[in-house]
């Protein structure tokens, strides 16, 4: 793996952005989201291979991946057929504070990482307006996050993301390749068991 020493231009790393109380409030809100829209395991479009991460969404739209339709956004849960639950207010406030974008997020992807789960190098490019950032919130166990440049083979830098940390991919870093290499199981006690939840706020359509 090639390594670089500096973070990409316009990428923002906000360690400890959510304090312990805010983390607990958000974890409670996300538990309600998962109750209404259960976690499921999507599959890769070409191979049909299952992700190691379980996912769900909240907001007007949710991000999906399957062999039949590929990567896309839909208004309903692929298993239950029900509309996604609303994005919690704490996340809407975070977006308003950090996004510098004139419209609210339309989707929040909820990724659940059990011990051993990871997400390979990719970039978020299924949205219509790249002027809107992607805002990512970490809850639970520490995780090794890796971010590079606009090319898949560009050098990357690693960050240890902890519960309450927030990162923002905006401007020249909006389409940067990034990955979640592994979680540090048992490094946090927020959920009472090993595991990590990542929340990714996105604007899908142009404002």
C-alpha atoms as a PDB file:
ATOM      1  CA  UNK A   1       0.000   0.000   0.000  1.00  0.00           C
ATOM      2  CA  UNK A   2       1.417   3.388  -1.003  1.00  0.00           C
ATOM      3  CA  UNK A   3       1.313   5.948   1.795  1.00  0.00           C
ATOM      4  CA  UNK A   4       1.195   9.719   1.865  1.00  0.00           C
ATOM      5  CA  UNK A   5       1.835  12.032   4.801  1.00  0.00           C
ATOM      6  CA  UNK A   6      -0.886  14.645   4.387  1.00  0.00           C
ATOM      7  CA  UNK A   7      -4.662  14.489   4.146  1.00  0.00           C
ATOM      8  CA  UNK A   8      -6.320  15.410   0.824  1.00  0.00           C
ATOM      9  CA  UNK A   9      -7.115  19.063   0.189  1.00  0.00           C
ATOM     10  CA  UNK A  10     -10.575  20.104   1.501  1.00  0.00           C
ATOM     11  CA  UNK A  11     -10.907  16.921   3.581  1.00  0.00           C
ATOM     12  CA  UNK A  12     -11.894  17.734   7.163  1.00  0.00           C
ATOM     13  CA  UNK A  13     -11.171  15.494  10.164  1.00  0.00           C
ATOM     14  CA  UNK A  14     -13.032  16.552  13.312  1.00  0.00           C
ATOM     15  CA  UNK A  15     -11.972  14.324  16.219  1.00  0.00           C
ATOM     16  CA  UNK A  16     -14.388  14.233  19.149  1.00  0.00           C
ATOM     17  CA  UNK A  17     -16.997  16.366  17.350  1.00  0.00           C
ATOM     18  CA  UNK A  18     -19.737  14.561  19.308  1.00  0.00           C
ATOM     19  CA  UNK A  19     -19.278  14.324  23.066  1.00  0.00           C
ATOM     20  CA  UNK A  20     -20.318  11.306  25.139  1.00  0.00           C
ATOM     21  CA  UNK A  21     -23.875  12.564  25.694  1.00  0.00           C
ATOM     22  CA  UNK A  22     -24.394  13.319  22.006  1.00  0.00           C
ATOM     23  CA  UNK A  23     -23.015   9.897  21.078  1.00  0.00           C
ATOM     24  CA  UNK A  24     -25.440   8.155  23.415  1.00  0.00           C
ATOM     25  CA  UNK A  25     -28.379  10.212  22.149  1.00  0.00           C
ATOM     26  CA  UNK A  26     -27.439   9.431  18.559  1.00  0.00           C
ATOM     27  CA  UNK A  27     -26.951   5.721  19.306  1.00  0.00           C
ATOM     28  CA  UNK A  28     -30.467   5.634  20.803  1.00  0.00           C
ATOM     29  CA  UNK A  29     -31.904   7.385  17.751  1.00  0.00           C
ATOM     30  CA  UNK A  30     -30.140   4.992  15.377  1.00  0.00           C
ATOM     31  CA  UNK A  31     -31.433   1.989  17.344  1.00  0.00           C
ATOM     32  CA  UNK A  32     -34.935   3.260  16.572  1.00  0.00           C
ATOM     33  CA  UNK A  33     -33.991   3.620  12.887  1.00  0.00           C
ATOM     34  CA  UNK A  34     -32.745   0.021  12.793  1.00  0.00           C
ATOM     35  CA  UNK A  35     -35.901  -1.195  14.521  1.00  0.00           C
ATOM     36  CA  UNK A  36     -38.018   0.405  11.798  1.00  0.00           C
ATOM     37  CA  UNK A  37     -35.632  -0.443   8.912  1.00  0.00           C
ATOM     38  CA  UNK A  38     -33.695  -3.607   9.843  1.00  0.00           C
ATOM     39  CA  UNK A  39     -30.071  -4.104   8.892  1.00  0.00           C
ATOM     40  CA  UNK A  40     -29.577  -6.315   5.850  1.00  0.00           C
ATOM     41  CA  UNK A  41     -26.575  -7.508   3.862  1.00  0.00           C
ATOM     42  CA  UNK A  42     -26.381  -6.092   0.304  1.00  0.00           C
ATOM     43  CA  UNK A  43     -24.470  -7.777  -2.510  1.00  0.00           C
ATOM     44  CA  UNK A  44     -22.033  -6.559  -5.158  1.00  0.00           C
ATOM     45  CA  UNK A  45     -23.575  -5.739  -8.557  1.00  0.00           C
ATOM     46  CA  UNK A  46     -21.264  -7.832 -10.749  1.00  0.00           C
ATOM     47  CA  UNK A  47     -20.474 -10.848  -8.613  1.00  0.00           C
ATOM     48  CA  UNK A  48     -23.417 -11.080  -6.237  1.00  0.00           C
ATOM     49  CA  UNK A  49     -20.892 -11.427  -3.421  1.00  0.00           C
ATOM     50  CA  UNK A  50     -22.266 -10.266  -0.076  1.00  0.00           C
ATOM     51  CA  UNK A  51     -20.782  -7.247   1.683  1.00  0.00           C
ATOM     52  CA  UNK A  52     -19.118  -7.972   5.019  1.00  0.00           C
ATOM     53  CA  UNK A  53     -20.949  -4.906   6.362  1.00  0.00           C
ATOM     54  CA  UNK A  54     -24.663  -4.901   7.155  1.00  0.00           C
ATOM     55  CA  UNK A  55     -26.543  -1.774   6.120  1.00  0.00           C
ATOM     56  CA  UNK A  56     -29.748   0.205   6.347  1.00  0.00           C
ATOM     57  CA  UNK A  57     -30.753   3.814   5.667  1.00  0.00           C
ATOM     58  CA  UNK A  58     -32.798   6.713   6.923  1.00  0.00           C
ATOM     59  CA  UNK A  59     -34.042   9.743   5.056  1.00  0.00           C
ATOM     60  CA  UNK A  60     -36.149  10.262   1.952  1.00  0.00           C
ATOM     61  CA  UNK A  61     -33.806   8.026  -0.059  1.00  0.00           C
ATOM     62  CA  UNK A  62     -31.580   5.077   0.763  1.00  0.00           C
ATOM     63  CA  UNK A  63     -28.477   3.720  -0.961  1.00  0.00           C
ATOM     64  CA  UNK A  64     -28.760   0.157  -2.283  1.00  0.00           C
ATOM     65  CA  UNK A  65     -26.565  -2.380  -4.046  1.00  0.00           C
ATOM     66  CA  UNK A  66     -27.681  -5.612  -5.682  1.00  0.00           C
ATOM     67  CA  UNK A  67     -26.989  -7.711  -8.748  1.00  0.00           C
ATOM     68  CA  UNK A  68     -30.182  -6.735 -10.553  1.00  0.00           C
ATOM     69  CA  UNK A  69     -30.016  -2.955 -10.251  1.00  0.00           C
ATOM     70  CA  UNK A  70     -26.460  -2.084  -9.235  1.00  0.00           C
ATOM     71  CA  UNK A  71     -25.634   0.915  -7.071  1.00  0.00           C
ATOM     72  CA  UNK A  72     -28.549   3.332  -6.713  1.00  0.00           C
ATOM     73  CA  UNK A  73     -30.894   5.206  -4.399  1.00  0.00           C
ATOM     74  CA  UNK A  74     -34.439   4.066  -3.675  1.00  0.00           C
ATOM     75  CA  UNK A  75     -37.251   5.359  -1.471  1.00  0.00           C
ATOM     76  CA  UNK A  76     -38.047   2.005   0.185  1.00  0.00           C
ATOM     77  CA  UNK A  77     -36.270  -0.713   2.158  1.00  0.00           C
ATOM     78  CA  UNK A  78     -35.440  -3.616  -0.219  1.00  0.00           C
ATOM     79  CA  UNK A  79     -36.561  -6.284   2.273  1.00  0.00           C
ATOM     80  CA  UNK A  80     -39.568  -4.769   4.065  1.00  0.00           C
ATOM     81  CA  UNK A  81     -40.773  -2.572   1.194  1.00  0.00           C
ATOM     82  CA  UNK A  82     -41.434   0.236   3.674  1.00  0.00           C
ATOM     83  CA  UNK A  83     -40.271   3.859   3.347  1.00  0.00           C
ATOM     84  CA  UNK A  84     -37.066   4.670   5.203  1.00  0.00           C
ATOM     85  CA  UNK A  85     -37.463   6.337   8.622  1.00  0.00           C
ATOM     86  CA  UNK A  86     -36.569   9.996   9.050  1.00  0.00           C
ATOM     87  CA  UNK A  87     -33.003  11.182   9.622  1.00  0.00           C
ATOM     88  CA  UNK A  88     -32.553  11.978  13.351  1.00  0.00           C
ATOM     89  CA  UNK A  89     -32.534  15.664  14.253  1.00  0.00           C
ATOM     90  CA  UNK A  90     -29.011  15.510  15.694  1.00  0.00           C
ATOM     91  CA  UNK A  91     -27.691  14.529  12.245  1.00  0.00           C
ATOM     92  CA  UNK A  92     -29.690  17.240  10.483  1.00  0.00           C
ATOM     93  CA  UNK A  93     -28.159  19.775  12.857  1.00  0.00           C
ATOM     94  CA  UNK A  94     -24.687  18.409  12.171  1.00  0.00           C
ATOM     95  CA  UNK A  95     -25.269  18.763   8.424  1.00  0.00           C
ATOM     96  CA  UNK A  96     -26.488  22.325   8.855  1.00  0.00           C
ATOM     97  CA  UNK A  97     -23.368  23.168  10.866  1.00  0.00           C
ATOM     98  CA  UNK A  98     -20.789  21.509   8.622  1.00  0.00           C
ATOM     99  CA  UNK A  99     -22.049  21.085   5.059  1.00  0.00           C
ATOM    100  CA  UNK A 100     -22.046  24.695   3.766  1.00  0.00           C
ATOM    101  CA  UNK A 101     -24.775  23.456   1.404  1.00  0.00           C
ATOM    102  CA  UNK A 102     -28.177  25.152   0.925  1.00  0.00           C
ATOM    103  CA  UNK A 103     -30.350  22.037   1.245  1.00  0.00           C
ATOM    104  CA  UNK A 104     -30.709  19.213   3.794  1.00  0.00           C
ATOM    105  CA  UNK A 105     -29.384  15.682   3.296  1.00  0.00           C
ATOM    106  CA  UNK A 106     -31.692  13.248   1.547  1.00  0.00           C
ATOM    107  CA  UNK A 107     -30.015  10.030   2.673  1.00  0.00           C
ATOM    108  CA  UNK A 108     -28.126   8.665   5.635  1.00  0.00           C
ATOM    109  CA  UNK A 109     -26.454   5.321   5.046  1.00  0.00           C
ATOM    110  CA  UNK A 110     -26.095   3.272   8.246  1.00  0.00           C
ATOM    111  CA  UNK A 111     -23.215   0.772   8.106  1.00  0.00           C
ATOM    112  CA  UNK A 112     -22.830  -1.764  10.909  1.00  0.00           C
ATOM    113  CA  UNK A 113     -19.339  -3.256  11.265  1.00  0.00           C
ATOM    114  CA  UNK A 114     -19.121  -6.409  13.341  1.00  0.00           C
ATOM    115  CA  UNK A 115     -15.617  -7.618  14.292  1.00  0.00           C
ATOM    116  CA  UNK A 116     -13.843  -8.607  11.067  1.00  0.00           C
ATOM    117  CA  UNK A 117     -16.021  -6.475   8.763  1.00  0.00           C
ATOM    118  CA  UNK A 118     -14.450  -3.938   6.431  1.00  0.00           C
ATOM    119  CA  UNK A 119     -15.195  -1.867   3.338  1.00  0.00           C
ATOM    120  CA  UNK A 120     -12.842  -1.819   0.370  1.00  0.00           C
ATOM    121  CA  UNK A 121     -11.408   1.176  -1.462  1.00  0.00           C
ATOM    122  CA  UNK A 122     -14.200   3.092  -3.191  1.00  0.00           C
ATOM    123  CA  UNK A 123     -15.570   6.563  -3.762  1.00  0.00           C
ATOM    124  CA  UNK A 124     -19.088   7.959  -3.374  1.00  0.00           C
ATOM    125  CA  UNK A 125     -20.173   8.906  -6.877  1.00  0.00           C
ATOM    126  CA  UNK A 126     -23.831   7.898  -7.211  1.00  0.00           C
ATOM    127  CA  UNK A 127     -25.104  11.380  -6.371  1.00  0.00           C
ATOM    128  CA  UNK A 128     -26.107  14.116  -8.834  1.00  0.00           C
ATOM    129  CA  UNK A 129     -24.414  17.097  -7.203  1.00  0.00           C
ATOM    130  CA  UNK A 130     -20.786  16.832  -6.116  1.00  0.00           C
ATOM    131  CA  UNK A 131     -20.980  20.326  -4.593  1.00  0.00           C
ATOM    132  CA  UNK A 132     -22.706  18.707  -1.621  1.00  0.00           C
ATOM    133  CA  UNK A 133     -20.277  17.029   0.798  1.00  0.00           C
ATOM    134  CA  UNK A 134     -20.387  13.584   2.312  1.00  0.00           C
ATOM    135  CA  UNK A 135     -20.377  13.775   6.113  1.00  0.00           C
ATOM    136  CA  UNK A 136     -19.418  10.638   8.026  1.00  0.00           C
ATOM    137  CA  UNK A 137     -19.966  10.006  11.758  1.00  0.00           C
ATOM    138  CA  UNK A 138     -18.297   7.222  13.781  1.00  0.00           C
ATOM    139  CA  UNK A 139     -19.987   5.474  16.714  1.00  0.00           C
ATOM    140  CA  UNK A 140     -18.621   2.591  18.767  1.00  0.00           C
ATOM    141  CA  UNK A 141     -15.328   0.795  18.279  1.00  0.00           C
ATOM    142  CA  UNK A 142     -12.246   2.489  16.851  1.00  0.00           C
ATOM    143  CA  UNK A 143     -11.632   1.887  13.150  1.00  0.00           C
ATOM    144  CA  UNK A 144      -8.726   2.281  10.748  1.00  0.00           C
ATOM    145  CA  UNK A 145      -9.907   4.541   7.940  1.00  0.00           C
ATOM    146  CA  UNK A 146      -7.852   5.118   4.795  1.00  0.00           C
ATOM    147  CA  UNK A 147      -8.199   7.969   2.302  1.00  0.00           C
ATOM    148  CA  UNK A 148      -6.306   8.751  -0.885  1.00  0.00           C
ATOM    149  CA  UNK A 149      -6.781  10.832  -4.008  1.00  0.00           C
ATOM    150  CA  UNK A 150      -8.923  10.862  -7.127  1.00  0.00           C
ATOM    151  CA  UNK A 151      -7.187   7.798  -8.573  1.00  0.00           C
ATOM    152  CA  UNK A 152      -7.611   4.319  -7.141  1.00  0.00           C
ATOM    153  CA  UNK A 153      -3.828   3.829  -7.038  1.00  0.00           C
ATOM    154  CA  UNK A 154      -3.012   7.202  -5.486  1.00  0.00           C
ATOM    155  CA  UNK A 155      -1.137   7.122  -2.157  1.00  0.00           C
ATOM    156  CA  UNK A 156      -3.296   6.895   0.939  1.00  0.00           C
ATOM    157  CA  UNK A 157      -3.139   8.094   4.535  1.00  0.00           C
ATOM    158  CA  UNK A 158      -4.599   6.255   7.540  1.00  0.00           C
ATOM    159  CA  UNK A 159      -6.596   7.689  10.415  1.00  0.00           C
ATOM    160  CA  UNK A 160      -7.753   5.918  13.562  1.00  0.00           C
ATOM    161  CA  UNK A 161     -11.367   7.039  13.867  1.00  0.00           C
ATOM    162  CA  UNK A 162     -12.888   6.917  17.345  1.00  0.00           C
ATOM    163  CA  UNK A 163     -16.468   7.151  18.551  1.00  0.00           C
ATOM    164  CA  UNK A 164     -17.731  10.702  18.094  1.00  0.00           C
ATOM    165  CA  UNK A 165     -15.283  11.590  15.326  1.00  0.00           C
ATOM    166  CA  UNK A 166     -16.623  13.191  12.146  1.00  0.00           C
ATOM    167  CA  UNK A 167     -15.019  13.438   8.713  1.00  0.00           C
ATOM    168  CA  UNK A 168     -16.159  15.576   5.792  1.00  0.00           C
ATOM    169  CA  UNK A 169     -15.380  14.832   2.141  1.00  0.00           C
ATOM    170  CA  UNK A 170     -15.936  18.110   0.328  1.00  0.00           C
ATOM    171  CA  UNK A 171     -14.495  20.214  -2.467  1.00  0.00           C
ATOM    172  CA  UNK A 172     -11.409  18.593  -3.992  1.00  0.00           C
ATOM    173  CA  UNK A 173     -11.722  15.592  -1.659  1.00  0.00           C
ATOM    174  CA  UNK A 174     -15.378  14.886  -2.496  1.00  0.00           C
ATOM    175  CA  UNK A 175     -14.486  12.078  -4.904  1.00  0.00           C
ATOM    176  CA  UNK A 176     -11.414  10.825  -3.058  1.00  0.00           C
ATOM    177  CA  UNK A 177     -11.040   7.063  -2.779  1.00  0.00           C
ATOM    178  CA  UNK A 178     -11.397   5.791   0.774  1.00  0.00           C
ATOM    179  CA  UNK A 179     -11.759   2.542   2.707  1.00  0.00           C
ATOM    180  CA  UNK A 180     -12.432   1.117   6.143  1.00  0.00           C
ATOM    181  CA  UNK A 181      -9.652  -1.411   6.691  1.00  0.00           C
ATOM    182  CA  UNK A 182     -10.671  -2.865  10.050  1.00  0.00           C
ATOM    183  CA  UNK A 183     -12.272  -2.117  13.378  1.00  0.00           C
ATOM    184  CA  UNK A 184     -10.527  -2.480  16.724  1.00  0.00           C
ATOM    185  CA  UNK A 185     -13.045  -4.800  18.361  1.00  0.00           C
ATOM    186  CA  UNK A 186     -13.872  -4.014  21.980  1.00  0.00           C
ATOM    187  CA  UNK A 187     -12.147  -0.612  22.009  1.00  0.00           C
ATOM    188  CA  UNK A 188     -15.333   1.272  22.977  1.00  0.00           C
ATOM    189  CA  UNK A 189     -18.298   0.574  25.247  1.00  0.00           C
ATOM    190  CA  UNK A 190     -21.053   2.648  23.587  1.00  0.00           C
ATOM    191  CA  UNK A 191     -23.061  -0.361  22.423  1.00  0.00           C
ATOM    192  CA  UNK A 192     -22.183  -2.728  25.262  1.00  0.00           C
ATOM    193  CA  UNK A 193     -20.663  -5.166  22.779  1.00  0.00           C
ATOM    194  CA  UNK A 194     -17.974  -5.067  20.071  1.00  0.00           C
ATOM    195  CA  UNK A 195     -18.943  -3.307  16.864  1.00  0.00           C
ATOM    196  CA  UNK A 196     -19.055   0.008  15.077  1.00  0.00           C
ATOM    197  CA  UNK A 197     -21.724   2.027  13.301  1.00  0.00           C
ATOM    198  CA  UNK A 198     -20.837   4.548  10.624  1.00  0.00           C
ATOM    199  CA  UNK A 199     -23.405   7.119   9.510  1.00  0.00           C
ATOM    200  CA  UNK A 200     -22.921   8.763   6.121  1.00  0.00           C
ATOM    201  CA  UNK A 201     -25.010  11.818   5.291  1.00  0.00           C
ATOM    202  CA  UNK A 202     -25.512  12.525   1.607  1.00  0.00           C
ATOM    203  CA  UNK A 203     -27.416  14.842  -0.680  1.00  0.00           C
ATOM    204  CA  UNK A 204     -28.560  12.821  -3.710  1.00  0.00           C
ATOM    205  CA  UNK A 205     -30.245  15.389  -5.978  1.00  0.00           C
ATOM    206  CA  UNK A 206     -29.313  18.963  -6.835  1.00  0.00           C
ATOM    207  CA  UNK A 207     -30.759  21.587  -4.492  1.00  0.00           C
END
